[in-house]
Structure formats: structure tokens, C-alpha cells
Amino acid sequence: MFAQVSLVALSLAAYSSAICTKTYTVKSGDGCDAIALANNVSQYQLQKLNGNNICLLLTPGQSICLTDSTYDCQPVHAVVSGETCSAIAQSNGITLSKFLSNNAQLDPNTCPIYPGLNVCVDPDSTNPGGDCTRTTEIQAGDTCDAIAGRNGISTYIIQQINPGNTCAGLLAFTQICVDSPANNCAKIYTVTGNEGGCDPIATAQGITFTRLRELNPNIDAFCGNIYPGEVLCVQSK
């Protein structure tokens, strides 16, 4: 009953310090590359502010966040044929490591850029999650949900305060950030799969469905993408 449906991005971010400052309404035929190029943002920024899978879930009429009050990586560069990551980094006066940090969706081993991809080349950009204030060691077999539950933080915030698609590449016995100033969550709830959707979860926690989505912007408009084991924020600090 938790079928995957189109993700609808919210203008409000998951924490009160991050507010979407510019949105875009998806048009028929749009893709992330075209949206990023037309709006002078990097593809990674679209993923960072709207969820890692946003480029697979675009639907006409959907509103997505382009910039927010904590993150707008500038300037950007449109990749042309024949360029390499190292060459782009060098021509913009930044290290390859910084380039990969700015564009954390790229595999650092292959750096698979292509013509038309918008990348960020800012030498001073920072993680939108802010400074990490607490880390924990990843255990063998860990998932982001398990780590979130143990550390009183939502799965969404874990993804926001760690670079790139962290949850897809957890390495045992390395460190992961589990708190930062961006974490404005005071209470969490772990989805069982037996609740019957988001409305019962929200009601049981004394909040509205709208508020639940404000606290967890990865939840789509139909609550079709929550899953058993996911850790949700149900109360802000």
C-alpha cells in the first residue's frame, strides 16, 4: 500500500532555518539537466534540495525547490564535450576534491560528467547541513534508518547533513554525521508499515499531515513513499 508515486517538493525545508527561496514548476518534457541549465543551478543542488531521486520523479505541474536559505552553490558551469572533471576544476581554480564535494552525486572514481550537465565550481561552498556536531561509527550491516533510530534523528536529516548519496554507500567502521545545527527535530517516529498511511501517524503524534510533510519533505503528496523502518521527524525543537 506504500506504492511509489511522484515526489512533490515542498517550499518549506525540514528545519526552520532552511526555507526554499526559489521554486520552479515542472513542464512537460522537462528533465533535471534542462531545469538546472535554465535556472543556473547545479544538478546536485536540485537533488540536495528535493531528494536524491527527484530527477527520476519529475511530473508536469510539480513544484521543486531551486535554492534555499542555506544553500545556493555558485557559480555553475555547463559541461561541454571533451571536458574532464580535473580540467574543469583546474580552469576554475579549485581542487578536484572540492569539485567532487560540490557535485557529490558524481562517483569520485569515474567522475561521469557529460555535455549539458550543470556542475558547481564554487571554491567556498559549504554543506547545507552546516558544521557536524556529532558523529557515530557505522556498524556492519547498518542502514541509515538504523543509524537514525539509534541516534534520535530522522532518516531525511541523516541524508541532508552528509554528502552525496551517503545512505547508498555506507562503509562499516567509518564515521557518519548524526547531528548538526540544521537538525531541528525534537522527536522521531519509526514507521511500522501497519499504520495505514501518514494521516494516522500524524494524528497519533498530534500534528497534521501538512506539518508531517514540512518536517519530512521527502514524503510525497499522497504519502506513497514512506516504508517500514523509516525514521520520521514528528516534532520540531
Protein backbone atom coordinates (compact mmCIF):
# COMPACT_ATOMS: atom_id res chain seq x y z
CA MET A 1 0.00 0.00 0.00
CA PHE A 2 3.05 2.18 0.11
CA ALA A 3 3.41 2.33 -3.67
CA GLN A 4 5.98 4.68 -5.12
CA VAL A 5 4.39 7.77 -6.67
CA SER A 6 5.69 11.09 -7.89
CA LEU A 7 7.59 13.15 -5.35
CA VAL A 8 6.22 16.64 -4.79
CA ALA A 9 8.78 19.01 -3.29
CA LEU A 10 7.78 21.45 -0.59
CA SER A 11 8.83 25.06 -0.38
CA LEU A 12 9.44 24.56 3.32
CA ALA A 13 12.54 22.59 4.22
CA ALA A 14 12.67 20.08 7.02
CA TYR A 15 14.06 22.52 9.51
CA SER A 16 13.11 26.05 10.34
CA SER A 17 16.50 27.51 9.41
CA ALA A 18 16.19 26.37 5.77
CA ILE A 19 13.42 27.92 3.69
CA CYS A 20 13.05 27.46 -0.06
CA THR A 21 13.73 30.83 -1.67
CA LYS A 22 13.10 29.99 -5.33
CA THR A 23 10.87 27.35 -6.89
CA TYR A 24 10.21 26.04 -10.39
CA THR A 25 7.10 24.40 -11.82
CA VAL A 26 7.96 21.37 -13.93
CA LYS A 27 6.76 21.46 -17.54
CA SER A 28 6.05 18.58 -19.90
CA GLY A 29 9.30 17.19 -21.30
CA ASP A 30 11.47 18.72 -18.56
CA GLY A 31 14.47 16.88 -17.19
CA CYS A 32 16.88 17.83 -14.43
CA ASP A 33 19.58 18.87 -16.90
CA ALA A 34 17.27 21.30 -18.71
CA ILE A 35 15.89 22.70 -15.46
CA ALA A 36 19.37 23.18 -13.99
CA LEU A 37 20.68 24.89 -17.14
CA ALA A 38 17.67 27.19 -17.49
CA ASN A 39 17.80 28.26 -13.85
CA ASN A 40 21.57 28.48 -13.37
CA VAL A 41 21.85 25.85 -10.66
CA SER A 42 23.74 22.56 -10.49
CA GLN A 43 22.05 19.20 -10.86
CA TYR A 44 23.40 18.23 -7.44
CA GLN A 45 21.65 21.23 -5.92
CA LEU A 46 18.32 20.00 -7.32
CA GLN A 47 18.95 16.61 -5.74
CA LYS A 48 20.17 18.07 -2.46
CA LEU A 49 17.10 20.27 -2.00
CA ASN A 50 14.47 17.90 -3.38
CA GLY A 51 15.73 14.39 -2.66
CA ASN A 52 18.24 12.15 -4.41
CA ASN A 53 15.62 10.60 -6.72
CA ILE A 54 14.00 13.85 -7.86
CA CYS A 55 15.35 13.55 -11.41
CA LEU A 56 13.56 10.21 -11.82
CA LEU A 57 10.27 11.50 -10.42
CA LEU A 58 9.60 14.77 -12.26
CA THR A 59 5.98 15.29 -13.29
CA PRO A 60 4.35 18.27 -15.07
CA GLY A 61 2.89 20.74 -12.58
CA GLN A 62 5.20 19.65 -9.79
CA SER A 63 6.87 22.43 -7.79
CA ILE A 64 10.53 21.87 -6.96
CA CYS A 65 12.99 23.94 -4.94
CA LEU A 66 15.86 25.60 -6.82
CA THR A 67 17.58 27.44 -3.96
CA ASP A 68 17.06 27.70 -0.24
CA SER A 69 18.19 29.98 2.54
CA THR A 70 21.15 27.77 3.44
CA TYR A 71 22.39 26.53 0.06
CA ASP A 72 22.94 28.01 -3.39
CA CYS A 73 26.20 26.78 -4.88
CA GLN A 74 27.54 29.36 -7.35
CA PRO A 75 28.97 29.78 -9.89
CA VAL A 76 27.95 26.87 -12.07
CA HIS A 77 29.49 25.52 -15.26
CA ALA A 78 27.77 23.71 -18.13
CA VAL A 79 29.87 20.74 -19.22
CA VAL A 80 30.82 20.65 -22.91
CA SER A 81 32.05 17.73 -25.00
CA GLY A 82 35.62 16.69 -24.28
CA GLU A 83 35.89 18.18 -20.78
CA THR A 84 37.06 16.22 -17.77
CA CYS A 85 36.42 16.83 -14.09
CA SER A 86 40.08 17.63 -13.49
CA ALA A 87 40.16 20.13 -16.34
CA ILE A 88 37.00 21.89 -15.15
CA ALA A 89 38.35 22.06 -11.61
CA GLN A 90 41.71 23.43 -12.76
CA SER A 91 40.19 26.05 -15.06
CA ASN A 92 38.03 27.32 -12.20
CA GLY A 93 40.85 27.42 -9.66
CA ILE A 94 39.59 24.67 -7.38
CA THR A 95 40.89 21.24 -6.44
CA LEU A 96 39.37 18.06 -7.83
CA SER A 97 38.40 17.13 -4.27
CA LYS A 98 36.47 20.40 -3.92
CA PHE A 99 34.82 19.86 -7.30
CA LEU A 100 33.63 16.42 -6.21
CA SER A 101 32.40 17.83 -2.90
CA ASN A 102 30.40 20.49 -4.76
CA ASN A 103 28.91 17.82 -7.03
CA ALA A 104 28.56 14.91 -4.66
CA GLN A 105 26.24 12.91 -6.93
CA LEU A 106 29.28 12.06 -9.07
CA ASP A 107 31.16 8.83 -8.43
CA PRO A 108 34.64 10.03 -7.33
CA ASN A 109 36.27 7.03 -9.03
CA THR A 110 34.89 7.73 -12.51
CA CYS A 111 33.51 11.29 -12.33
CA PRO A 112 30.90 10.57 -15.05
CA ILE A 113 30.17 14.05 -16.40
CA TYR A 114 28.54 14.61 -19.79
CA PRO A 115 27.69 17.54 -22.09
CA GLY A 116 24.78 19.56 -20.73
CA LEU A 117 25.38 18.69 -17.08
CA ASN A 118 25.48 21.78 -14.86
CA VAL A 119 28.15 21.49 -12.17
CA CYS A 120 29.06 23.80 -9.29
CA VAL A 121 32.58 25.25 -9.29
CA ASP A 122 32.37 27.41 -6.16
CA PRO A 123 35.62 27.30 -4.14
CA ASP A 124 33.87 28.24 -0.89
CA SER A 125 30.58 26.31 -0.91
CA THR A 126 29.64 24.53 2.27
CA ASN A 127 27.42 21.62 3.18
CA PRO A 128 23.87 22.92 3.70
CA GLY A 129 23.67 20.86 6.86
CA GLY A 130 26.21 23.14 8.49
CA ASP A 131 29.01 22.01 10.80
CA CYS A 132 28.69 18.47 12.09
CA THR A 133 28.40 18.45 15.88
CA ARG A 134 28.25 14.69 16.47
CA THR A 135 29.35 11.59 14.59
CA THR A 136 28.93 7.87 15.14
CA GLU A 137 30.68 4.80 13.79
CA ILE A 138 28.83 2.82 11.14
CA GLN A 139 28.39 -0.82 12.14
CA ALA A 140 28.50 -3.83 9.81
CA GLY A 141 25.10 -4.25 8.18
CA ASP A 142 23.93 -0.76 9.17
CA THR A 143 21.36 1.26 7.27
CA CYS A 144 20.63 4.95 7.57
CA ASP A 145 17.30 4.06 9.15
CA ALA A 146 19.00 2.02 11.86
CA ILE A 147 21.58 4.74 12.49
CA ALA A 148 18.86 7.40 12.61
CA GLY A 149 16.80 5.42 15.11
CA ARG A 150 19.76 4.84 17.42
CA ASN A 151 20.71 8.50 17.39
CA GLY A 152 17.30 10.17 17.66
CA ILE A 153 17.41 11.78 14.23
CA SER A 154 15.24 11.37 11.13
CA THR A 155 16.36 9.47 8.06
CA TYR A 156 15.79 12.62 5.99
CA ILE A 157 18.14 14.72 8.12
CA ILE A 158 20.82 12.00 8.01
CA GLN A 159 20.74 12.37 4.24
CA GLN A 160 20.81 16.17 4.40
CA ILE A 161 23.80 16.56 6.73
CA ASN A 162 26.00 14.00 4.98
CA PRO A 163 27.46 14.45 1.48
CA GLY A 164 26.00 12.91 -1.64
CA ASN A 165 24.01 9.69 -1.60
CA THR A 166 25.53 8.60 1.73
CA CYS A 167 22.85 6.07 2.56
CA ALA A 168 23.53 4.07 -0.60
CA GLY A 169 27.22 3.62 0.19
CA LEU A 170 27.66 3.10 3.94
CA LEU A 171 31.07 1.72 4.88
CA ALA A 172 31.39 -0.20 8.14
CA PHE A 173 33.68 1.28 10.79
CA THR A 174 33.75 4.74 9.20
CA GLN A 175 32.13 7.84 10.70
CA ILE A 176 28.80 9.37 9.74
CA CYS A 177 27.37 12.70 10.90
CA VAL A 178 24.30 12.36 13.15
CA ASP A 179 23.77 15.91 14.34
CA SER A 180 24.31 19.48 13.17
CA PRO A 181 22.75 22.92 13.68
CA ALA A 182 20.42 22.04 10.78
CA ASN A 183 18.77 19.31 12.85
CA ASN A 184 15.67 20.94 14.28
CA CYS A 185 13.92 17.69 15.22
CA ALA A 186 12.95 17.02 18.84
CA LYS A 187 11.00 13.76 18.42
CA ILE A 188 11.16 10.87 15.98
CA TYR A 189 8.85 8.03 14.98
CA THR A 190 9.77 4.80 13.21
CA VAL A 191 7.29 3.63 10.57
CA THR A 192 5.98 0.09 11.15
CA GLY A 193 4.02 -0.31 7.93
CA ASN A 194 0.82 -1.09 9.83
CA GLU A 195 -0.31 2.49 10.42
CA GLY A 196 -2.42 2.82 7.28
CA GLY A 197 -0.63 5.84 5.89
CA CYS A 198 0.55 9.25 7.02
CA ASP A 199 -2.73 10.59 8.41
CA PRO A 200 -2.86 8.04 11.26
CA ILE A 201 0.81 8.71 12.07
CA ALA A 202 0.22 12.47 12.13
CA THR A 203 -2.95 12.16 14.22
CA ALA A 204 -1.25 9.89 16.75
CA GLN A 205 1.55 12.43 17.11
CA GLY A 206 -0.83 15.38 17.48
CA ILE A 207 0.12 17.06 14.21
CA THR A 208 -1.41 17.47 10.75
CA PHE A 209 -0.32 15.68 7.58
CA THR A 210 0.84 19.05 6.26
CA ARG A 211 3.07 19.51 9.29
CA LEU A 212 4.41 15.97 8.94
CA ARG A 213 5.49 16.80 5.38
CA GLU A 214 7.05 20.08 6.49
CA LEU A 215 9.19 18.09 8.93
CA ASN A 216 9.93 15.39 6.33
CA PRO A 217 9.95 16.97 2.82
CA ASN A 218 10.85 13.63 1.25
CA ILE A 219 7.25 12.43 1.88
CA ASP A 220 5.22 12.80 -1.30
CA ALA A 221 1.80 14.41 -1.52
CA PHE A 222 -0.01 11.06 -1.36
CA CYS A 223 2.18 9.50 1.34
CA GLY A 224 3.07 6.79 -1.13
CA ASN A 225 6.77 6.57 -0.39
CA ILE A 226 7.10 6.00 3.35
CA TYR A 227 8.25 2.49 4.26
CA PRO A 228 8.66 0.25 7.33
CA GLY A 229 11.76 1.21 9.26
CA GLU A 230 11.92 4.78 8.00
CA VAL A 231 12.53 7.24 10.82
CA LEU A 232 10.37 10.36 10.61
CA CYS A 233 10.56 13.63 12.48
CA VAL A 234 7.26 14.33 14.23
CA GLN A 235 8.11 17.36 16.37
CA SER A 236 10.48 20.29 15.91
CA LYS A 237 12.65 21.77 18.63
